[in-house]
Protein backbone atom coordinates (compact mmCIF):
# COMPACT_ATOMS: atom_id res chain seq x y z
CA UNK A 1 -31.60 19.35 -66.89
CA UNK A 2 -29.59 16.18 -67.65
CA UNK A 3 -26.33 18.06 -67.03
CA UNK A 4 -27.66 19.33 -63.68
CA UNK A 5 -28.74 15.81 -62.66
CA UNK A 6 -25.37 14.38 -63.54
CA UNK A 7 -23.64 17.11 -61.49
CA UNK A 8 -25.88 16.35 -58.47
CA UNK A 9 -25.05 12.65 -58.72
CA UNK A 10 -21.32 13.39 -58.74
CA UNK A 11 -21.70 15.72 -55.72
CA UNK A 12 -23.70 13.11 -53.84
CA UNK A 13 -21.01 10.52 -54.50
CA UNK A 14 -18.37 12.93 -53.14
CA UNK A 15 -20.37 13.51 -49.98
CA UNK A 16 -20.81 9.77 -49.46
CA UNK A 17 -17.08 9.20 -49.93
CA UNK A 18 -16.20 11.99 -47.45
CA UNK A 19 -18.64 10.62 -44.87
CA UNK A 20 -17.12 7.18 -45.30
CA UNK A 21 -13.64 8.54 -44.73
CA UNK A 22 -14.79 10.40 -41.62
CA UNK A 23 -16.39 7.26 -40.16
CA UNK A 24 -13.30 5.20 -40.97
CA UNK A 25 -11.04 7.81 -39.37
CA UNK A 26 -13.16 7.95 -36.21
CA UNK A 27 -13.23 4.16 -35.95
CA UNK A 28 -9.47 4.01 -36.39
CA UNK A 29 -8.98 6.45 -33.52
CA UNK A 30 -11.26 4.46 -31.23
CA UNK A 31 -9.90 1.04 -32.10
CA UNK A 32 -6.12 0.97 -32.81
CA UNK A 33 -5.16 -1.98 -34.93
CA UNK A 34 -2.23 -4.01 -36.09
CA UNK A 35 -1.80 -6.30 -39.08
CA UNK A 36 -3.60 -8.98 -37.08
CA UNK A 37 -6.69 -6.82 -36.42
CA UNK A 38 -7.97 -4.42 -33.76
CA UNK A 39 -5.57 -3.86 -30.88
CA UNK A 40 -6.87 -3.79 -27.29
CA UNK A 41 -6.12 -0.64 -25.33
CA UNK A 42 -4.61 -1.18 -21.87
CA UNK A 43 -6.27 0.57 -18.95
CA UNK A 44 -4.31 3.08 -16.90
CA UNK A 45 -2.61 1.69 -13.83
CA UNK A 46 -2.95 3.16 -10.33
CA UNK A 47 -0.48 5.89 -9.37
CA UNK A 48 2.65 4.88 -7.52
CA UNK A 49 4.86 1.86 -7.95
CA UNK A 50 3.44 -1.48 -6.75
CA UNK A 51 5.19 -3.55 -4.10
CA UNK A 52 7.17 -6.62 -5.14
CA UNK A 53 4.09 -8.79 -4.52
CA UNK A 54 2.01 -6.75 -6.99
CA UNK A 55 -0.09 -4.96 -4.37
CA UNK A 56 -0.48 -1.19 -4.31
CA UNK A 57 -0.09 1.26 -1.44
CA UNK A 58 -3.01 3.47 -0.58
CA UNK A 59 -2.96 6.64 -2.67
CA UNK A 60 -5.12 9.18 -4.51
CA UNK A 61 -8.01 7.53 -6.34
CA UNK A 62 -7.54 4.15 -4.65
CA UNK A 63 -10.45 2.89 -2.56
CA UNK A 64 -9.32 0.93 0.49
CA UNK A 65 -10.49 -2.63 1.15
CA UNK A 66 -13.22 -2.91 3.77
CA UNK A 67 -13.94 -5.53 6.39
CA UNK A 68 -17.37 -7.01 5.69
CA UNK A 69 -17.20 -9.66 8.41
CA UNK A 70 -14.77 -9.11 11.28
CA UNK A 71 -13.76 -12.05 13.46
CA UNK A 72 -12.64 -10.93 16.96
CA UNK A 73 -9.23 -12.08 18.12
CA UNK A 74 -9.03 -14.52 21.00
CA UNK A 75 -7.29 -13.27 24.15
CA UNK A 76 -4.31 -15.52 24.93
CA UNK A 77 -5.36 -17.84 27.74
CA UNK A 78 -1.98 -17.78 29.50
CA UNK A 79 -1.79 -13.98 29.66
CA UNK A 80 -2.53 -12.46 33.09
CA UNK A 81 -5.47 -10.08 33.20
CA UNK A 82 -3.31 -7.10 34.15
CA UNK A 83 -1.28 -7.53 30.96
CA UNK A 84 -4.30 -7.73 28.65
CA UNK A 85 -3.99 -4.23 27.26
CA UNK A 86 -2.03 -3.93 24.01
CA UNK A 87 -2.39 -2.95 20.38
CA UNK A 88 -1.15 -5.00 17.46
CA UNK A 89 -0.93 -3.35 14.05
CA UNK A 90 -0.53 -5.49 10.95
CA UNK A 91 0.47 -4.75 7.36
CA UNK A 92 -1.96 -6.81 5.27
CA UNK A 93 -2.39 -7.42 1.53
CA UNK A 94 -5.98 -7.85 0.34
CA UNK A 95 -5.99 -9.21 -3.20
CA UNK A 96 -8.40 -8.33 -6.03
CA UNK A 97 -10.79 -11.08 -4.91
CA UNK A 98 -10.89 -9.87 -1.31
CA UNK A 99 -8.70 -12.70 0.00
CA UNK A 100 -6.09 -12.06 2.69
CA UNK A 101 -2.56 -12.33 1.31
CA UNK A 102 0.67 -11.69 3.17
CA UNK A 103 0.43 -10.47 6.77
CA UNK A 104 3.31 -8.80 8.60
CA UNK A 105 3.52 -7.42 12.12
CA UNK A 106 3.97 -3.66 11.85
CA UNK A 107 3.65 -2.86 15.56
CA UNK A 108 4.09 -5.72 18.00
CA UNK A 109 1.96 -6.40 21.06
CA UNK A 110 3.97 -9.49 21.98
CA UNK A 111 4.14 -12.88 20.32
CA UNK A 112 0.95 -14.29 21.84
CA UNK A 113 -1.15 -11.24 20.96
CA UNK A 114 0.41 -10.96 17.49
CA UNK A 115 -0.43 -14.57 16.66
CA UNK A 116 -4.03 -14.13 17.84
CA UNK A 117 -4.42 -10.89 15.83
CA UNK A 118 -3.04 -12.49 12.66
CA UNK A 119 -5.40 -15.44 12.97
CA UNK A 120 -8.39 -13.10 13.46
CA UNK A 121 -7.49 -11.10 10.34
CA UNK A 122 -7.06 -14.26 8.26
CA UNK A 123 -10.51 -15.46 9.32
CA UNK A 124 -12.19 -12.10 8.63
CA UNK A 125 -13.77 -11.36 5.24
CA UNK A 126 -12.90 -8.33 3.12
CA UNK A 127 -14.25 -6.47 0.11
CA UNK A 128 -11.29 -5.70 -2.20
CA UNK A 129 -9.88 -2.26 -2.82
CA UNK A 130 -10.31 -0.67 -6.23
CA UNK A 131 -8.93 1.81 -8.72
CA UNK A 132 -11.30 3.47 -11.20
CA UNK A 133 -13.91 0.81 -10.48
CA UNK A 134 -11.47 -2.07 -11.06
CA UNK A 135 -10.62 -4.38 -8.14
CA UNK A 136 -6.89 -4.44 -7.34
CA UNK A 137 -4.62 -5.83 -4.63
CA UNK A 138 -4.01 -3.21 -1.94
CA UNK A 139 -1.74 -3.21 1.11
CA UNK A 140 -3.45 -1.77 4.17
CA UNK A 141 -2.96 -1.59 7.93
CA UNK A 142 -5.26 -3.46 10.27
CA UNK A 143 -5.27 -2.77 13.99
CA UNK A 144 -6.39 -5.17 16.72
CA UNK A 145 -6.66 -3.75 20.24
CA UNK A 146 -6.70 -6.00 23.28
CA UNK A 147 -8.23 -3.97 26.11
CA UNK A 148 -7.85 -4.47 29.84
CA UNK A 149 -11.58 -5.10 30.26
CA UNK A 150 -11.37 -7.99 27.73
CA UNK A 151 -13.87 -6.39 25.37
CA UNK A 152 -13.92 -7.90 21.83
CA UNK A 153 -10.61 -7.39 20.04
CA UNK A 154 -12.12 -6.69 16.63
CA UNK A 155 -9.85 -6.04 13.62
CA UNK A 156 -10.26 -2.56 12.10
CA UNK A 157 -8.79 -1.09 8.91
CA UNK A 158 -6.80 2.07 9.69
CA UNK A 159 -5.16 4.80 7.70
CA UNK A 160 -1.39 4.51 7.95
CA UNK A 161 -1.13 8.29 8.32
CA UNK A 162 -3.33 8.17 11.42
CA UNK A 163 -0.93 5.93 13.26
CA UNK A 164 0.67 7.72 16.17
CA UNK A 165 1.38 7.47 19.89
CA UNK A 166 -2.33 7.71 20.64
CA UNK A 167 -2.96 4.50 18.72
CA UNK A 168 -0.64 2.46 20.91
CA UNK A 169 -1.33 0.85 24.21
CA UNK A 170 -1.32 3.38 27.03
CA UNK A 171 1.27 1.21 28.74
CA UNK A 172 3.62 1.15 25.73
CA UNK A 173 6.07 3.94 24.95
CA UNK A 174 7.23 3.83 21.30
CA UNK A 175 10.90 3.90 20.27
CA UNK A 176 12.57 7.32 20.12
CA UNK A 177 15.31 8.03 17.51
CA UNK A 178 18.51 9.32 19.11
CA UNK A 179 20.58 9.19 15.91
CA UNK A 180 19.31 9.44 12.33
CA UNK A 181 20.93 9.39 8.89
CA UNK A 182 19.98 11.08 5.63
CA UNK A 183 19.84 8.72 2.64
CA UNK A 184 22.15 9.48 -0.27
CA UNK A 185 21.01 9.71 -3.89
CA UNK A 186 22.01 6.97 -6.29
CA UNK A 187 23.73 8.09 -9.49
CA UNK A 188 20.96 6.63 -11.64
CA UNK A 189 18.17 8.36 -9.70
CA UNK A 190 19.98 11.68 -9.78
CA UNK A 191 20.58 11.36 -13.50
CA UNK A 192 16.92 10.53 -14.15
CA UNK A 193 15.73 13.15 -11.62
CA UNK A 194 13.70 10.62 -9.63
CA UNK A 195 12.03 12.01 -6.51
CA UNK A 196 9.69 10.48 -3.94
CA UNK A 197 9.46 8.53 -0.71
CA UNK A 198 10.77 5.09 0.17
CA UNK A 199 9.11 3.56 3.23
CA UNK A 200 11.12 1.04 5.20
CA UNK A 201 10.09 -0.93 8.26
CA UNK A 202 12.50 -2.21 10.86
CA UNK A 203 12.53 -4.00 14.17
CA UNK A 204 13.95 -1.85 16.96
CA UNK A 205 15.64 -4.28 19.35
CA UNK A 206 15.73 -3.94 23.13
CA UNK A 207 19.22 -2.45 22.64
CA UNK A 208 17.82 0.26 20.35
CA UNK A 209 19.40 -1.18 17.21
CA UNK A 210 17.64 -1.55 13.82
CA UNK A 211 17.11 -5.13 12.71
CA UNK A 212 15.20 -7.01 9.96
CA UNK A 213 15.00 -3.90 7.74
CA UNK A 214 12.55 -4.20 4.84
CA UNK A 215 11.41 -1.97 1.99
CA UNK A 216 7.64 -1.48 2.30
CA UNK A 217 7.27 1.09 -0.49
CA UNK A 218 9.76 1.11 -3.33
CA UNK A 219 11.06 3.78 -5.72
CA UNK A 220 13.67 1.70 -7.50
CA UNK A 221 16.62 3.21 -9.43
CA UNK A 222 18.96 2.37 -6.55
CA UNK A 223 17.05 4.45 -4.00
CA UNK A 224 15.70 1.43 -2.11
CA UNK A 225 19.23 0.30 -1.35
CA UNK A 226 20.20 3.80 -0.21
CA UNK A 227 17.18 3.91 2.09
CA UNK A 228 18.14 0.56 3.63
CA UNK A 229 21.70 1.78 4.19
CA UNK A 230 20.48 4.92 5.96
CA UNK A 231 17.99 3.01 8.13
CA UNK A 232 20.79 0.70 9.25
CA UNK A 233 22.58 3.71 10.76
CA UNK A 234 19.64 4.71 12.99
CA UNK A 235 19.88 4.33 16.76
CA UNK A 236 16.96 4.43 19.18
CA UNK A 237 15.86 4.60 22.74
CA UNK A 238 13.91 1.30 22.67
CA UNK A 239 10.20 0.96 23.19
CA UNK A 240 9.22 0.49 26.81
CA UNK A 241 6.38 -1.51 28.30
CA UNK A 242 5.84 -1.31 32.05
CA UNK A 243 9.34 0.14 32.32
CA UNK A 244 10.94 -2.78 30.47
CA UNK A 245 12.54 -2.48 26.99
CA UNK A 246 10.68 -4.43 24.31
CA UNK A 247 11.41 -5.09 20.64
CA UNK A 248 9.04 -3.19 18.36
CA UNK A 249 8.59 -2.86 14.59
CA UNK A 250 8.20 0.65 13.21
CA UNK A 251 8.24 2.36 9.80
CA UNK A 252 10.41 5.21 8.54
CA UNK A 253 9.85 7.44 5.52
CA UNK A 254 12.96 8.25 3.51
CA UNK A 255 12.31 11.36 1.45
CA UNK A 256 14.35 11.76 -1.75
CA UNK A 257 14.12 15.29 -3.15
CA UNK A 258 16.32 17.15 -5.60
CA UNK A 259 17.07 20.78 -4.83
């Protein structure tokens, strides 16, 4: 009986030791550590490369910022009634606290309307965008339409993909490309097999020439520079308003794909 009891005690001790090892192993997997103690585990970042200002483009899994209090834009007082029909589209960064960051004119409605639209967006209040429940800075497009009947020109968040001729003023014809250029691959990107889209924006002048070319969505590895070079070779039939050429900012997607 004594021998049996002693054997049971030894077995019990073995079980306790094994359970302890299992618990220790599980804890180690859940909480990586260094010599200084437990190591924090970084959360995954949103897909896609952030812009230079740290904001992210809209993409899968990212919830867009929302306007929670929209302030209507003021119609320019010195604009004749017959000209009060235009759409301004802005590229806007909403930071992780919901504050308005940088604002750029993406589609111009004229200096007076642009200034009024920008001021309205800056005064409006936003709920920030998010990724996996975490608030992040997101770049979105906000449209302000000034109608001929002078109805409230209220800022509205829009999907970039939905932008098209139908979103512009009925009296504005967008620029039409008459010469395009394919971007070349950089040696580094080809070597690393980088693929994707670089988005550039540019101002089409009244002469149909590209000006003030900017990278709006970056891929890096030398592809941004190649996209800028290609965009500089574009030529356009300029945008027309009431039969008169006007300068207009547009965006172009440069698709880099290995075959």
